[in-house]
Amino acid sequence: KKLTLGNHDNYDIREYLKYFTKIAAAVVVKGYLLSHIPICGNQFPRFK
């Protein structure tokens, strides 16, 4: 399990690290941005 933090993920990061091998605000996988909240549309030249 890996995690991009959401707006309700407010607990101590050490609690999440017991279950998730990676934690980030957002990540790019296969050219796609993975995030909790949708990004602003003007970022699309950077992502598929």
ModelCIF file with pLDDT and N, C-alpha, C, O atoms, coordinates in Angstrom:
data_MODEL
#
_entry.id   MODEL 
#
_entity.id                         1 
_entity.type                       polymer 
_entity.pdbx_number_of_molecules   1 
#
_entity_poly.entity_id                      1 
_entity_poly.type                           'polypeptide(L)' 
_entity_poly.nstd_linkage                   no 
_entity_poly.nstd_monomer                   no 
_entity_poly.pdbx_seq_one_letter_code       KKLTLGNHDNYDIREYLKYFTKIAAAVVVKGYLLSHIPICGNQFPRFK 
_entity_poly.pdbx_seq_one_letter_code_can   KKLTLGNHDNYDIREYLKYFTKIAAAVVVKGYLLSHIPICGNQFPRFK 
_entity_poly.pdbx_strand_id                 A 
#
loop_
_entity_poly_seq.entity_id 
_entity_poly_seq.num 
_entity_poly_seq.mon_id 
_entity_poly_seq.hetero 
1 1  LYS n 
1 2  LYS n 
1 3  LEU n 
1 4  THR n 
1 5  LEU n 
1 6  GLY n 
1 7  ASN n 
1 8  HIS n 
1 9  ASP n 
1 10 ASN n 
1 11 TYR n 
1 12 ASP n 
1 13 ILE n 
1 14 ARG n 
1 15 GLU n 
1 16 TYR n 
1 17 LEU n 
1 18 LYS n 
1 19 TYR n 
1 20 PHE n 
1 21 THR n 
1 22 LYS n 
1 23 ILE n 
1 24 ALA n 
1 25 ALA n 
1 26 ALA n 
1 27 VAL n 
1 28 VAL n 
1 29 VAL n 
1 30 LYS n 
1 31 GLY n 
1 32 TYR n 
1 33 LEU n 
1 34 LEU n 
1 35 SER n 
1 36 HIS n 
1 37 ILE n 
1 38 PRO n 
1 39 ILE n 
1 40 CYS n 
1 41 GLY n 
1 42 ASN n 
1 43 GLN n 
1 44 PHE n 
1 45 PRO n 
1 46 ARG n 
1 47 PHE n 
1 48 LYS n 
#
_struct_asym.id          A 
_struct_asym.entity_id   1 
#
loop_
_ma_qa_metric.id 
_ma_qa_metric.mode 
_ma_qa_metric.name 
_ma_qa_metric.software_group_id 
_ma_qa_metric.type 
1 global pLDDT . pLDDT 
2 local  pLDDT . pLDDT 
#
_ma_qa_metric_global.metric_id      1 
_ma_qa_metric_global.metric_value   93.56 
_ma_qa_metric_global.model_id       1 
_ma_qa_metric_global.ordinal_id     1 
#
loop_
_ma_qa_metric_local.label_asym_id 
_ma_qa_metric_local.label_comp_id 
_ma_qa_metric_local.label_seq_id 
_ma_qa_metric_local.metric_id 
_ma_qa_metric_local.metric_value 
_ma_qa_metric_local.model_id 
_ma_qa_metric_local.ordinal_id 
A LYS 1  2 98.00 1 1  
A LYS 2  2 98.00 1 2  
A LEU 3  2 98.00 1 3  
A THR 4  2 98.00 1 4  
A LEU 5  2 98.00 1 5  
A GLY 6  2 97.00 1 6  
A ASN 7  2 97.00 1 7  
A HIS 8  2 97.00 1 8  
A ASP 9  2 98.00 1 9  
A ASN 10 2 96.00 1 10 
A TYR 11 2 98.00 1 11 
A ASP 12 2 97.00 1 12 
A ILE 13 2 97.00 1 13 
A ARG 14 2 97.00 1 14 
A GLU 15 2 98.00 1 15 
A TYR 16 2 98.00 1 16 
A LEU 17 2 98.00 1 17 
A LYS 18 2 98.00 1 18 
A TYR 19 2 98.00 1 19 
A PHE 20 2 98.00 1 20 
A THR 21 2 98.00 1 21 
A LYS 22 2 98.00 1 22 
A ILE 23 2 98.00 1 23 
A ALA 24 2 98.00 1 24 
A ALA 25 2 97.00 1 25 
A ALA 26 2 96.00 1 26 
A VAL 27 2 97.00 1 27 
A VAL 28 2 96.00 1 28 
A VAL 29 2 96.00 1 29 
A LYS 30 2 94.00 1 30 
A GLY 31 2 93.00 1 31 
A TYR 32 2 95.00 1 32 
A LEU 33 2 95.00 1 33 
A LEU 34 2 97.00 1 34 
A SER 35 2 98.00 1 35 
A HIS 36 2 98.00 1 36 
A ILE 37 2 96.00 1 37 
A PRO 38 2 95.00 1 38 
A ILE 39 2 91.00 1 39 
A CYS 40 2 81.00 1 40 
A GLY 41 2 73.00 1 41 
A ASN 42 2 75.00 1 42 
A GLN 43 2 70.00 1 43 
A PHE 44 2 71.00 1 44 
A PRO 45 2 78.00 1 45 
A ARG 46 2 84.00 1 46 
A PHE 47 2 90.00 1 47 
A LYS 48 2 91.00 1 48 
#
loop_
_atom_site.group_PDB 
_atom_site.id 
_atom_site.type_symbol 
_atom_site.label_atom_id 
_atom_site.label_alt_id 
_atom_site.label_comp_id 
_atom_site.label_asym_id 
_atom_site.label_entity_id 
_atom_site.label_seq_id 
_atom_site.pdbx_PDB_ins_code 
_atom_site.Cartn_x 
_atom_site.Cartn_y 
_atom_site.Cartn_z 
_atom_site.occupancy 
_atom_site.B_iso_or_equiv 
_atom_site.pdbx_formal_charge 
_atom_site.auth_seq_id 
_atom_site.auth_comp_id 
_atom_site.auth_asym_id 
_atom_site.auth_atom_id 
_atom_site.pdbx_PDB_model_num 
ATOM 1   N N  . LYS A 1 1  ? 0.818  -1.208 0.000   1.00 98.00 ? 1  LYS A N  1 
ATOM 2   C CA . LYS A 1 1  ? 0.000  0.000  0.000   1.00 98.00 ? 1  LYS A CA 1 
ATOM 3   C C  . LYS A 1 1  ? 0.854  1.260  0.000   1.00 98.00 ? 1  LYS A C  1 
ATOM 4   O O  . LYS A 1 1  ? 1.832  1.376  0.738   1.00 98.00 ? 1  LYS A O  1 
ATOM 5   N N  . LYS A 1 2  ? 0.447  2.215  -0.865  1.00 98.00 ? 2  LYS A N  1 
ATOM 6   C CA . LYS A 1 2  ? 1.090  3.519  -0.960  1.00 98.00 ? 2  LYS A CA 1 
ATOM 7   C C  . LYS A 1 2  ? -0.016 4.564  -0.879  1.00 98.00 ? 2  LYS A C  1 
ATOM 8   O O  . LYS A 1 2  ? -1.158 4.288  -1.246  1.00 98.00 ? 2  LYS A O  1 
ATOM 9   N N  . LEU A 1 3  ? 0.317  5.766  -0.400  1.00 98.00 ? 3  LEU A N  1 
ATOM 10  C CA . LEU A 1 3  ? -0.714 6.756  -0.100  1.00 98.00 ? 3  LEU A CA 1 
ATOM 11  C C  . LEU A 1 3  ? -0.369 8.134  -0.628  1.00 98.00 ? 3  LEU A C  1 
ATOM 12  O O  . LEU A 1 3  ? 0.744  8.624  -0.439  1.00 98.00 ? 3  LEU A O  1 
ATOM 13  N N  . THR A 1 4  ? -1.340 8.762  -1.296  1.00 98.00 ? 4  THR A N  1 
ATOM 14  C CA . THR A 1 4  ? -1.288 10.204 -1.497  1.00 98.00 ? 4  THR A CA 1 
ATOM 15  C C  . THR A 1 4  ? -2.257 10.775 -0.475  1.00 98.00 ? 4  THR A C  1 
ATOM 16  O O  . THR A 1 4  ? -3.419 10.373 -0.416  1.00 98.00 ? 4  THR A O  1 
ATOM 17  N N  . LEU A 1 5  ? -1.780 11.702 0.317   1.00 98.00 ? 5  LEU A N  1 
ATOM 18  C CA . LEU A 1 5  ? -2.570 12.209 1.438   1.00 98.00 ? 5  LEU A CA 1 
ATOM 19  C C  . LEU A 1 5  ? -3.805 12.976 0.976   1.00 98.00 ? 5  LEU A C  1 
ATOM 20  O O  . LEU A 1 5  ? -3.751 13.774 0.040   1.00 98.00 ? 5  LEU A O  1 
ATOM 21  N N  . GLY A 1 6  ? -4.912 12.712 1.654   1.00 97.00 ? 6  GLY A N  1 
ATOM 22  C CA . GLY A 1 6  ? -6.151 13.425 1.394   1.00 97.00 ? 6  GLY A CA 1 
ATOM 23  C C  . GLY A 1 6  ? -6.401 14.485 2.444   1.00 97.00 ? 6  GLY A C  1 
ATOM 24  O O  . GLY A 1 6  ? -5.658 14.585 3.420   1.00 97.00 ? 6  GLY A O  1 
ATOM 25  N N  . ASN A 1 7  ? -7.437 15.271 2.251   1.00 97.00 ? 7  ASN A N  1 
ATOM 26  C CA . ASN A 1 7  ? -7.743 16.360 3.172   1.00 97.00 ? 7  ASN A CA 1 
ATOM 27  C C  . ASN A 1 7  ? -8.174 15.872 4.552   1.00 97.00 ? 7  ASN A C  1 
ATOM 28  O O  . ASN A 1 7  ? -8.153 16.648 5.507   1.00 97.00 ? 7  ASN A O  1 
ATOM 29  N N  . HIS A 1 8  ? -8.567 14.596 4.680   1.00 97.00 ? 8  HIS A N  1 
ATOM 30  C CA . HIS A 1 8  ? -8.936 14.056 5.990   1.00 97.00 ? 8  HIS A CA 1 
ATOM 31  C C  . HIS A 1 8  ? -7.848 13.183 6.613   1.00 97.00 ? 8  HIS A C  1 
ATOM 32  O O  . HIS A 1 8  ? -8.054 12.623 7.690   1.00 97.00 ? 8  HIS A O  1 
ATOM 33  N N  . ASP A 1 9  ? -6.705 13.060 5.960   1.00 98.00 ? 9  ASP A N  1 
ATOM 34  C CA . ASP A 1 9  ? -5.621 12.224 6.479   1.00 98.00 ? 9  ASP A CA 1 
ATOM 35  C C  . ASP A 1 9  ? -4.730 13.063 7.400   1.00 98.00 ? 9  ASP A C  1 
ATOM 36  O O  . ASP A 1 9  ? -3.629 13.470 7.030   1.00 98.00 ? 9  ASP A O  1 
ATOM 37  N N  . ASN A 1 10 ? -5.244 13.308 8.613   1.00 96.00 ? 10 ASN A N  1 
ATOM 38  C CA . ASN A 1 10 ? -4.635 14.271 9.531   1.00 96.00 ? 10 ASN A CA 1 
ATOM 39  C C  . ASN A 1 10 ? -3.920 13.659 10.727  1.00 96.00 ? 10 ASN A C  1 
ATOM 40  O O  . ASN A 1 10 ? -3.460 14.392 11.602  1.00 96.00 ? 10 ASN A O  1 
ATOM 41  N N  . TYR A 1 11 ? -3.817 12.359 10.787  1.00 98.00 ? 11 TYR A N  1 
ATOM 42  C CA . TYR A 1 11 ? -3.192 11.724 11.947  1.00 98.00 ? 11 TYR A CA 1 
ATOM 43  C C  . TYR A 1 11 ? -1.671 11.776 11.829  1.00 98.00 ? 11 TYR A C  1 
ATOM 44  O O  . TYR A 1 11 ? -1.127 12.114 10.778  1.00 98.00 ? 11 TYR A O  1 
ATOM 45  N N  . ASP A 1 12 ? -1.008 11.441 12.906  1.00 97.00 ? 12 ASP A N  1 
ATOM 46  C CA . ASP A 1 12 ? 0.448  11.422 12.942  1.00 97.00 ? 12 ASP A CA 1 
ATOM 47  C C  . ASP A 1 12 ? 0.951  10.522 11.800  1.00 97.00 ? 12 ASP A C  1 
ATOM 48  O O  . ASP A 1 12 ? 0.492  9.392  11.634  1.00 97.00 ? 12 ASP A O  1 
ATOM 49  N N  . ILE A 1 13 ? 1.886  11.041 11.035  1.00 97.00 ? 13 ILE A N  1 
ATOM 50  C CA . ILE A 1 13 ? 2.401  10.331 9.864   1.00 97.00 ? 13 ILE A CA 1 
ATOM 51  C C  . ILE A 1 13 ? 2.949  8.950  10.237  1.00 97.00 ? 13 ILE A C  1 
ATOM 52  O O  . ILE A 1 13 ? 2.940  8.033  9.416   1.00 97.00 ? 13 ILE A O  1 
ATOM 53  N N  . ARG A 1 14 ? 3.426  8.808  11.478  1.00 97.00 ? 14 ARG A N  1 
ATOM 54  C CA . ARG A 1 14 ? 3.973  7.512  11.912  1.00 97.00 ? 14 ARG A CA 1 
ATOM 55  C C  . ARG A 1 14 ? 2.898  6.426  11.925  1.00 97.00 ? 14 ARG A C  1 
ATOM 56  O O  . ARG A 1 14 ? 3.205  5.252  11.718  1.00 97.00 ? 14 ARG A O  1 
ATOM 57  N N  . GLU A 1 15 ? 1.647  6.804  12.165  1.00 98.00 ? 15 GLU A N  1 
ATOM 58  C CA . GLU A 1 15 ? 0.555  5.828  12.131  1.00 98.00 ? 15 GLU A CA 1 
ATOM 59  C C  . GLU A 1 15 ? 0.373  5.291  10.714  1.00 98.00 ? 15 GLU A C  1 
ATOM 60  O O  . GLU A 1 15 ? 0.214  4.086  10.520  1.00 98.00 ? 15 GLU A O  1 
ATOM 61  N N  . TYR A 1 16 ? 0.397  6.180  9.729   1.00 98.00 ? 16 TYR A N  1 
ATOM 62  C CA . TYR A 1 16 ? 0.247  5.761  8.330   1.00 98.00 ? 16 TYR A CA 1 
ATOM 63  C C  . TYR A 1 16 ? 1.430  4.909  7.881   1.00 98.00 ? 16 TYR A C  1 
ATOM 64  O O  . TYR A 1 16 ? 1.258  3.951  7.128   1.00 98.00 ? 16 TYR A O  1 
ATOM 65  N N  . LEU A 1 17 ? 2.629  5.255  8.341   1.00 98.00 ? 17 LEU A N  1 
ATOM 66  C CA . LEU A 1 17 ? 3.831  4.533  7.922   1.00 98.00 ? 17 LEU A CA 1 
ATOM 67  C C  . LEU A 1 17 ? 3.867  3.088  8.418   1.00 98.00 ? 17 LEU A C  1 
ATOM 68  O O  . LEU A 1 17 ? 4.675  2.295  7.935   1.00 98.00 ? 17 LEU A O  1 
ATOM 69  N N  . LYS A 1 18 ? 3.024  2.741  9.354   1.00 98.00 ? 18 LYS A N  1 
ATOM 70  C CA . LYS A 1 18 ? 2.917  1.351  9.793   1.00 98.00 ? 18 LYS A CA 1 
ATOM 71  C C  . LYS A 1 18 ? 2.275  0.484  8.712   1.00 98.00 ? 18 LYS A C  1 
ATOM 72  O O  . LYS A 1 18 ? 2.453  -0.734 8.710   1.00 98.00 ? 18 LYS A O  1 
ATOM 73  N N  . TYR A 1 19 ? 1.532  1.097  7.798   1.00 98.00 ? 19 TYR A N  1 
ATOM 74  C CA . TYR A 1 19 ? 0.762  0.346  6.809   1.00 98.00 ? 19 TYR A CA 1 
ATOM 75  C C  . TYR A 1 19 ? 1.077  0.715  5.365   1.00 98.00 ? 19 TYR A C  1 
ATOM 76  O O  . TYR A 1 19 ? 0.811  -0.073 4.457   1.00 98.00 ? 19 TYR A O  1 
ATOM 77  N N  . PHE A 1 20 ? 1.637  1.892  5.138   1.00 98.00 ? 20 PHE A N  1 
ATOM 78  C CA . PHE A 1 20 ? 1.935  2.361  3.785   1.00 98.00 ? 20 PHE A CA 1 
ATOM 79  C C  . PHE A 1 20 ? 3.445  2.447  3.601   1.00 98.00 ? 20 PHE A C  1 
ATOM 80  O O  . PHE A 1 20 ? 4.149  2.978  4.460   1.00 98.00 ? 20 PHE A O  1 
ATOM 81  N N  . THR A 1 21 ? 3.950  1.919  2.469   1.00 98.00 ? 21 THR A N  1 
ATOM 82  C CA . THR A 1 21 ? 5.385  1.918  2.211   1.00 98.00 ? 21 THR A CA 1 
ATOM 83  C C  . THR A 1 21 ? 5.871  3.236  1.634   1.00 98.00 ? 21 THR A C  1 
ATOM 84  O O  . THR A 1 21 ? 7.069  3.517  1.648   1.00 98.00 ? 21 THR A O  1 
ATOM 85  N N  . LYS A 1 22 ? 4.953  4.046  1.128   1.00 98.00 ? 22 LYS A N  1 
ATOM 86  C CA . LYS A 1 22 ? 5.301  5.363  0.591   1.00 98.00 ? 22 LYS A CA 1 
ATOM 87  C C  . LYS A 1 22 ? 4.125  6.286  0.850   1.00 98.00 ? 22 LYS A C  1 
ATOM 88  O O  . LYS A 1 22 ? 2.967  5.882  0.740   1.00 98.00 ? 22 LYS A O  1 
ATOM 89  N N  . ILE A 1 23 ? 4.435  7.541  1.197   1.00 98.00 ? 23 ILE A N  1 
ATOM 90  C CA . ILE A 1 23 ? 3.411  8.552  1.428   1.00 98.00 ? 23 ILE A CA 1 
ATOM 91  C C  . ILE A 1 23 ? 3.860  9.821  0.727   1.00 98.00 ? 23 ILE A C  1 
ATOM 92  O O  . ILE A 1 23 ? 4.998  10.259 0.896   1.00 98.00 ? 23 ILE A O  1 
ATOM 93  N N  . ALA A 1 24 ? 2.968  10.415 -0.061  1.00 98.00 ? 24 ALA A N  1 
ATOM 94  C CA . ALA A 1 24 ? 3.305  11.624 -0.816  1.00 98.00 ? 24 ALA A CA 1 
ATOM 95  C C  . ALA A 1 24 ? 2.074  12.516 -0.930  1.00 98.00 ? 24 ALA A C  1 
ATOM 96  O O  . ALA A 1 24 ? 0.955  12.089 -0.646  1.00 98.00 ? 24 ALA A O  1 
ATOM 97  N N  . ALA A 1 25 ? 2.293  13.746 -1.344  1.00 97.00 ? 25 ALA A N  1 
ATOM 98  C CA . ALA A 1 25 ? 1.174  14.648 -1.628  1.00 97.00 ? 25 ALA A CA 1 
ATOM 99  C C  . ALA A 1 25 ? 0.543  14.265 -2.964  1.00 97.00 ? 25 ALA A C  1 
ATOM 100 O O  . ALA A 1 25 ? -0.679 14.273 -3.113  1.00 97.00 ? 25 ALA A O  1 
ATOM 101 N N  . ALA A 1 26 ? 1.392  13.932 -3.927  1.00 96.00 ? 26 ALA A N  1 
ATOM 102 C CA . ALA A 1 26 ? 0.957  13.497 -5.253  1.00 96.00 ? 26 ALA A CA 1 
ATOM 103 C C  . ALA A 1 26 ? 2.136  12.764 -5.890  1.00 96.00 ? 26 ALA A C  1 
ATOM 104 O O  . ALA A 1 26 ? 3.285  12.986 -5.508  1.00 96.00 ? 26 ALA A O  1 
ATOM 105 N N  . VAL A 1 27 ? 1.859  11.898 -6.852  1.00 97.00 ? 27 VAL A N  1 
ATOM 106 C CA . VAL A 1 27 ? 2.918  11.175 -7.559  1.00 97.00 ? 27 VAL A CA 1 
ATOM 107 C C  . VAL A 1 27 ? 2.555  11.071 -9.035  1.00 97.00 ? 27 VAL A C  1 
ATOM 108 O O  . VAL A 1 27 ? 1.389  11.181 -9.416  1.00 97.00 ? 27 VAL A O  1 
ATOM 109 N N  . VAL A 1 28 ? 3.574  10.858 -9.852  1.00 96.00 ? 28 VAL A N  1 
ATOM 110 C CA . VAL A 1 28 ? 3.351  10.624 -11.275 1.00 96.00 ? 28 VAL A CA 1 
ATOM 111 C C  . VAL A 1 28 ? 3.659  9.161  -11.551 1.00 96.00 ? 28 VAL A C  1 
ATOM 112 O O  . VAL A 1 28 ? 4.752  8.678  -11.256 1.00 96.00 ? 28 VAL A O  1 
ATOM 113 N N  . VAL A 1 29 ? 2.679  8.460  -12.123 1.00 96.00 ? 29 VAL A N  1 
ATOM 114 C CA . VAL A 1 29 ? 2.830  7.055  -12.493 1.00 96.00 ? 29 VAL A CA 1 
ATOM 115 C C  . VAL A 1 29 ? 2.367  6.919  -13.942 1.00 96.00 ? 29 VAL A C  1 
ATOM 116 O O  . VAL A 1 29 ? 1.240  7.279  -14.280 1.00 96.00 ? 29 VAL A O  1 
ATOM 117 N N  . LYS A 1 30 ? 3.248  6.396  -14.792 1.00 94.00 ? 30 LYS A N  1 
ATOM 118 C CA . LYS A 1 30 ? 2.952  6.215  -16.216 1.00 94.00 ? 30 LYS A CA 1 
ATOM 119 C C  . LYS A 1 30 ? 2.517  7.525  -16.887 1.00 94.00 ? 30 LYS A C  1 
ATOM 120 O O  . LYS A 1 30 ? 1.723  7.509  -17.827 1.00 94.00 ? 30 LYS A O  1 
ATOM 121 N N  . GLY A 1 31 ? 3.035  8.647  -16.404 1.00 93.00 ? 31 GLY A N  1 
ATOM 122 C CA . GLY A 1 31 ? 2.717  9.942  -16.990 1.00 93.00 ? 31 GLY A CA 1 
ATOM 123 C C  . GLY A 1 31 ? 1.433  10.577 -16.475 1.00 93.00 ? 31 GLY A C  1 
ATOM 124 O O  . GLY A 1 31 ? 1.074  11.677 -16.896 1.00 93.00 ? 31 GLY A O  1 
ATOM 125 N N  . TYR A 1 32 ? 0.741  9.898  -15.571 1.00 95.00 ? 32 TYR A N  1 
ATOM 126 C CA . TYR A 1 32 ? -0.509 10.405 -14.994 1.00 95.00 ? 32 TYR A CA 1 
ATOM 127 C C  . TYR A 1 32 ? -0.247 10.878 -13.568 1.00 95.00 ? 32 TYR A C  1 
ATOM 128 O O  . TYR A 1 32 ? 0.472  10.231 -12.807 1.00 95.00 ? 32 TYR A O  1 
ATOM 129 N N  . LEU A 1 33 ? -0.842 12.021 -13.219 1.00 95.00 ? 33 LEU A N  1 
ATOM 130 C CA . LEU A 1 33 ? -0.707 12.530 -11.868 1.00 95.00 ? 33 LEU A CA 1 
ATOM 131 C C  . LEU A 1 33 ? -1.751 11.866 -10.983 1.00 95.00 ? 33 LEU A C  1 
ATOM 132 O O  . LEU A 1 33 ? -2.947 11.922 -11.268 1.00 95.00 ? 33 LEU A O  1 
ATOM 133 N N  . LEU A 1 34 ? -1.294 11.241 -9.916  1.00 97.00 ? 34 LEU A N  1 
ATOM 134 C CA . LEU A 1 34 ? -2.179 10.651 -8.915  1.00 97.00 ? 34 LEU A CA 1 
ATOM 135 C C  . LEU A 1 34 ? -2.212 11.600 -7.726  1.00 97.00 ? 34 LEU A C  1 
ATOM 136 O O  . LEU A 1 34 ? -1.175 11.910 -7.140  1.00 97.00 ? 34 LEU A O  1 
ATOM 137 N N  . SER A 1 35 ? -3.405 12.057 -7.374  1.00 98.00 ? 35 SER A N  1 
ATOM 138 C CA . SER A 1 35 ? -3.569 13.019 -6.291  1.00 98.00 ? 35 SER A CA 1 
ATOM 139 C C  . SER A 1 35 ? -4.907 12.775 -5.614  1.00 98.00 ? 35 SER A C  1 
ATOM 140 O O  . SER A 1 35 ? -5.757 12.056 -6.139  1.00 98.00 ? 35 SER A O  1 
ATOM 141 N N  . HIS A 1 36 ? -5.088 13.373 -4.452  1.00 98.00 ? 36 HIS A N  1 
ATOM 142 C CA . HIS A 1 36 ? -6.397 13.253 -3.814  1.00 98.00 ? 36 HIS A CA 1 
ATOM 143 C C  . HIS A 1 36 ? -7.381 14.229 -4.450  1.00 98.00 ? 36 HIS A C  1 
ATOM 144 O O  . HIS A 1 36 ? -8.424 13.826 -4.965  1.00 98.00 ? 36 HIS A O  1 
ATOM 145 N N  . ILE A 1 37 ? -7.045 15.497 -4.410  1.00 96.00 ? 37 ILE A N  1 
ATOM 146 C CA . ILE A 1 37 ? -7.915 16.528 -4.968  1.00 96.00 ? 37 ILE A CA 1 
ATOM 147 C C  . ILE A 1 37 ? -7.527 16.741 -6.427  1.00 96.00 ? 37 ILE A C  1 
ATOM 148 O O  . ILE A 1 37 ? -6.336 16.766 -6.736  1.00 96.00 ? 37 ILE A O  1 
ATOM 149 N N  . PRO A 1 38 ? -8.497 16.897 -7.340  1.00 95.00 ? 38 PRO A N  1 
ATOM 150 C CA . PRO A 1 38 ? -8.157 17.144 -8.749  1.00 95.00 ? 38 PRO A CA 1 
ATOM 151 C C  . PRO A 1 38 ? -7.278 18.390 -8.899  1.00 95.00 ? 38 PRO A C  1 
ATOM 152 O O  . PRO A 1 38 ? -7.453 19.377 -8.184  1.00 95.00 ? 38 PRO A O  1 
ATOM 153 N N  . ILE A 1 39 ? -6.347 18.327 -9.827  1.00 91.00 ? 39 ILE A N  1 
ATOM 154 C CA . ILE A 1 39 ? -5.434 19.454 -10.057 1.00 91.00 ? 39 ILE A CA 1 
ATOM 155 C C  . ILE A 1 39 ? -6.067 20.481 -10.984 1.00 91.00 ? 39 ILE A C  1 
ATOM 156 O O  . ILE A 1 39 ? -7.075 20.219 -11.640 1.00 91.00 ? 39 ILE A O  1 
ATOM 157 N N  . CYS A 1 40 ? -5.457 21.642 -11.019 1.00 81.00 ? 40 CYS A N  1 
ATOM 158 C CA . CYS A 1 40 ? -5.891 22.709 -11.922 1.00 81.00 ? 40 CYS A CA 1 
ATOM 159 C C  . CYS A 1 40 ? -5.603 22.287 -13.363 1.00 81.00 ? 40 CYS A C  1 
ATOM 160 O O  . CYS A 1 40 ? -4.532 21.754 -13.652 1.00 81.00 ? 40 CYS A O  1 
ATOM 161 N N  . GLY A 1 41 ? -6.546 22.521 -14.257 1.00 73.00 ? 41 GLY A N  1 
ATOM 162 C CA . GLY A 1 41 ? -6.432 22.089 -15.647 1.00 73.00 ? 41 GLY A CA 1 
ATOM 163 C C  . GLY A 1 41 ? -5.238 22.624 -16.396 1.00 73.00 ? 41 GLY A C  1 
ATOM 164 O O  . GLY A 1 41 ? -4.809 21.995 -17.363 1.00 73.00 ? 41 GLY A O  1 
ATOM 165 N N  . ASN A 1 42 ? -4.666 23.770 -15.995 1.00 75.00 ? 42 ASN A N  1 
ATOM 166 C CA . ASN A 1 42 ? -3.530 24.314 -16.748 1.00 75.00 ? 42 ASN A CA 1 
ATOM 167 C C  . ASN A 1 42 ? -2.253 23.496 -16.546 1.00 75.00 ? 42 ASN A C  1 
ATOM 168 O O  . ASN A 1 42 ? -1.230 23.804 -17.158 1.00 75.00 ? 42 ASN A O  1 
ATOM 169 N N  . GLN A 1 43 ? -2.290 22.464 -15.704 1.00 70.00 ? 43 GLN A N  1 
ATOM 170 C CA . GLN A 1 43 ? -1.140 21.591 -15.492 1.00 70.00 ? 43 GLN A CA 1 
ATOM 171 C C  . GLN A 1 43 ? -1.069 20.459 -16.524 1.00 70.00 ? 43 GLN A C  1 
ATOM 172 O O  . GLN A 1 43 ? -0.087 19.717 -16.545 1.00 70.00 ? 43 GLN A O  1 
ATOM 173 N N  . PHE A 1 44 ? -2.082 20.313 -17.372 1.00 71.00 ? 44 PHE A N  1 
ATOM 174 C CA . PHE A 1 44 ? -2.131 19.152 -18.255 1.00 71.00 ? 44 PHE A CA 1 
ATOM 175 C C  . PHE A 1 44 ? -1.034 19.048 -19.303 1.00 71.00 ? 44 PHE A C  1 
ATOM 176 O O  . PHE A 1 44 ? -0.731 17.929 -19.719 1.00 71.00 ? 44 PHE A O  1 
ATOM 177 N N  . PRO A 1 45 ? -0.436 20.099 -19.747 1.00 78.00 ? 45 PRO A N  1 
ATOM 178 C CA . PRO A 1 45 ? 0.692  19.842 -20.664 1.00 78.00 ? 45 PRO A CA 1 
ATOM 179 C C  . PRO A 1 45 ? 1.784  18.987 -20.009 1.00 78.00 ? 45 PRO A C  1 
ATOM 180 O O  . PRO A 1 45 ? 2.556  18.322 -20.698 1.00 78.00 ? 45 PRO A O  1 
ATOM 181 N N  . ARG A 1 46 ? 1.837  19.013 -18.684 1.00 84.00 ? 46 ARG A N  1 
ATOM 182 C CA . ARG A 1 46 ? 2.856  18.233 -17.959 1.00 84.00 ? 46 ARG A CA 1 
ATOM 183 C C  . ARG A 1 46 ? 2.443  16.786 -17.733 1.00 84.00 ? 46 ARG A C  1 
ATOM 184 O O  . ARG A 1 46 ? 3.303  15.927 -17.539 1.00 84.00 ? 46 ARG A O  1 
ATOM 185 N N  . PHE A 1 47 ? 1.134  16.499 -17.755 1.00 90.00 ? 47 PHE A N  1 
ATOM 186 C CA . PHE A 1 47 ? 0.627  15.168 -17.424 1.00 90.00 ? 47 PHE A CA 1 
ATOM 187 C C  . PHE A 1 47 ? -0.371 14.698 -18.484 1.00 90.00 ? 47 PHE A C  1 
ATOM 188 O O  . PHE A 1 47 ? -1.042 15.506 -19.125 1.00 90.00 ? 47 PHE A O  1 
ATOM 189 N N  . LYS A 1 48 ? -0.454 13.381 -18.655 1.00 91.00 ? 48 LYS A N  1 
ATOM 190 C CA . LYS A 1 48 ? -1.423 12.801 -19.588 1.00 91.00 ? 48 LYS A CA 1 
ATOM 191 C C  . LYS A 1 48 ? -2.843 12.908 -19.049 1.00 91.00 ? 48 LYS A C  1 
ATOM 192 O O  . LYS A 1 48 ? -3.787 12.470 -19.705 1.00 91.00 ? 48 LYS A O  1 
#
